[in-house]
C-alpha atoms as a PDB file:
ATOM      1  CA  MET A   1      -7.415 -25.216 -26.340  1.00  0.00           C
ATOM      2  CA  LYS A   2      -3.862 -24.372 -25.689  1.00  0.00           C
ATOM      3  CA  LYS A   3      -4.227 -20.784 -26.424  1.00  0.00           C
ATOM      4  CA  LEU A   4      -7.244 -20.572 -24.152  1.00  0.00           C
ATOM      5  CA  ILE A   5      -5.298 -21.966 -21.182  1.00  0.00           C
ATOM      6  CA  PHE A   6      -2.362 -19.906 -21.850  1.00  0.00           C
ATOM      7  CA  LEU A   7      -4.561 -16.620 -21.989  1.00  0.00           C
ATOM      8  CA  PHE A   8      -6.050 -17.653 -18.749  1.00  0.00           C
ATOM      9  CA  PHE A   9      -2.888 -18.199 -17.085  1.00  0.00           C
ATOM     10  CA  ALA A  10      -1.254 -14.798 -18.303  1.00  0.00           C
ATOM     11  CA  ALA A  11      -4.416 -13.005 -17.000  1.00  0.00           C
ATOM     12  CA  SER A  12      -4.252 -14.686 -13.695  1.00  0.00           C
ATOM     13  CA  MET A  13      -0.708 -13.863 -13.395  1.00  0.00           C
ATOM     14  CA  LEU A  14      -1.151 -10.312 -14.109  1.00  0.00           C
ATOM     15  CA  ALA A  15      -4.162 -10.070 -11.595  1.00  0.00           C
ATOM     16  CA  CYS A  16      -2.238 -11.692  -8.764  1.00  0.00           C
ATOM     17  CA  GLY A  17       1.239 -10.310  -9.369  1.00  0.00           C
ATOM     18  CA  ASN A  18       0.579  -6.579  -9.851  1.00  0.00           C
ATOM     19  CA  SER A  19      -0.774  -4.941  -6.691  1.00  0.00           C
ATOM     20  CA  PRO A  20      -1.224  -1.248  -7.086  1.00  0.00           C
ATOM     21  CA  CYS A  21      -0.145  -0.514  -3.524  1.00  0.00           C
ATOM     22  CA  GLU A  22       3.184  -0.904  -1.938  1.00  0.00           C
ATOM     23  CA  LYS A  23       2.923  -2.609   1.411  1.00  0.00           C
ATOM     24  CA  LYS A  24       4.141  -0.197   3.924  1.00  0.00           C
ATOM     25  CA  THR A  25       3.814  -0.056   7.720  1.00  0.00           C
ATOM     26  CA  CYS A  26       4.955   2.520  10.330  1.00  0.00           C
ATOM     27  CA  LYS A  27       8.130   0.742  10.946  1.00  0.00           C
ATOM     28  CA  ASP A  28       9.060   1.625   7.516  1.00  0.00           C
ATOM     29  CA  PHE A  29       9.435   5.368   8.511  1.00  0.00           C
ATOM     30  CA  LYS A  30      11.578   7.229  10.863  1.00  0.00           C
ATOM     31  CA  THR A  31       9.281  10.147  11.577  1.00  0.00           C
ATOM     32  CA  GLN A  32       5.453  10.670  11.530  1.00  0.00           C
ATOM     33  CA  LYS A  33       6.050  13.409   8.882  1.00  0.00           C
ATOM     34  CA  GLU A  34       7.483  10.890   6.369  1.00  0.00           C
ATOM     35  CA  ALA A  35       4.643   8.621   6.983  1.00  0.00           C
ATOM     36  CA  GLN A  36       2.085  11.326   6.616  1.00  0.00           C
ATOM     37  CA  LYS A  37       3.532  12.291   3.365  1.00  0.00           C
ATOM     38  CA  THR A  38       3.163   8.661   2.050  1.00  0.00           C
ATOM     39  CA  TYR A  39      -0.311   8.406   3.621  1.00  0.00           C
ATOM     40  CA  GLU A  40      -1.388  11.630   1.801  1.00  0.00           C
ATOM     41  CA  SER A  41       0.037  10.261  -1.381  1.00  0.00           C
ATOM     42  CA  ASP A  42      -2.632   7.451  -1.661  1.00  0.00           C
ATOM     43  CA  LYS A  43      -5.120   7.317   1.209  1.00  0.00           C
ATOM     44  CA  ASP A  44      -6.636   4.213  -0.147  1.00  0.00           C
ATOM     45  CA  CYS A  45      -3.547   2.301  -0.625  1.00  0.00           C
ATOM     46  CA  TYR A  46      -2.037   3.326   2.799  1.00  0.00           C
ATOM     47  CA  LYS A  47      -4.922   3.553   4.878  1.00  0.00           C
ATOM     48  CA  ASN A  48      -3.322   0.979   7.422  1.00  0.00           C
ATOM     49  CA  LEU A  49      -0.981   3.801   8.444  1.00  0.00           C
ATOM     50  CA  ASP A  50      -3.738   5.755   9.866  1.00  0.00           C
ATOM     51  CA  ARG A  51      -5.217   3.094  12.279  1.00  0.00           C
ATOM     52  CA  ASP A  52      -7.599   5.150  14.095  1.00  0.00           C
ATOM     53  CA  ASN A  53      -8.903   6.902  10.677  1.00  0.00           C
ATOM     54  CA  ASP A  54      -8.479  10.553  12.141  1.00  0.00           C
ATOM     55  CA  GLY A  55      -6.285  11.535   9.031  1.00  0.00           C
ATOM     56  CA  SER A  56      -2.916  11.354  10.914  1.00  0.00           C
ATOM     57  CA  ALA A  57      -0.535   8.524   9.853  1.00  0.00           C
ATOM     58  CA  CYS A  58       1.610   6.665  12.525  1.00  0.00           C
ATOM     59  CA  GLU A  59       0.753   8.830  15.279  1.00  0.00           C
ATOM     60  CA  ASP A  60       3.363   7.133  17.704  1.00  0.00           C
ATOM     61  CA  LEU A  61       6.415   8.186  15.590  1.00  0.00           C
ATOM     62  CA  PRO A  62       8.485  11.185  16.390  1.00  0.00           C
ATOM     63  CA  LYS A  63       6.946  14.265  14.451  1.00  0.00           C
ATOM     64  CA  GLU A  64      10.464  15.207  13.029  1.00  0.00           C
END
């Protein structure tokens, strides 16, 4: 029984603690170009950088 509890605990820690996506917001970037590069590296992870879903990340940031 102890082994089963340990395995459950270990599996739940792995599932909760290892998010494949790093949390990023537009405030983490100085330029739109930097944000765009991150967004394009994994559009599923960083979809929050493109709020209006038009393919451009953090449009309010300076271009360069």
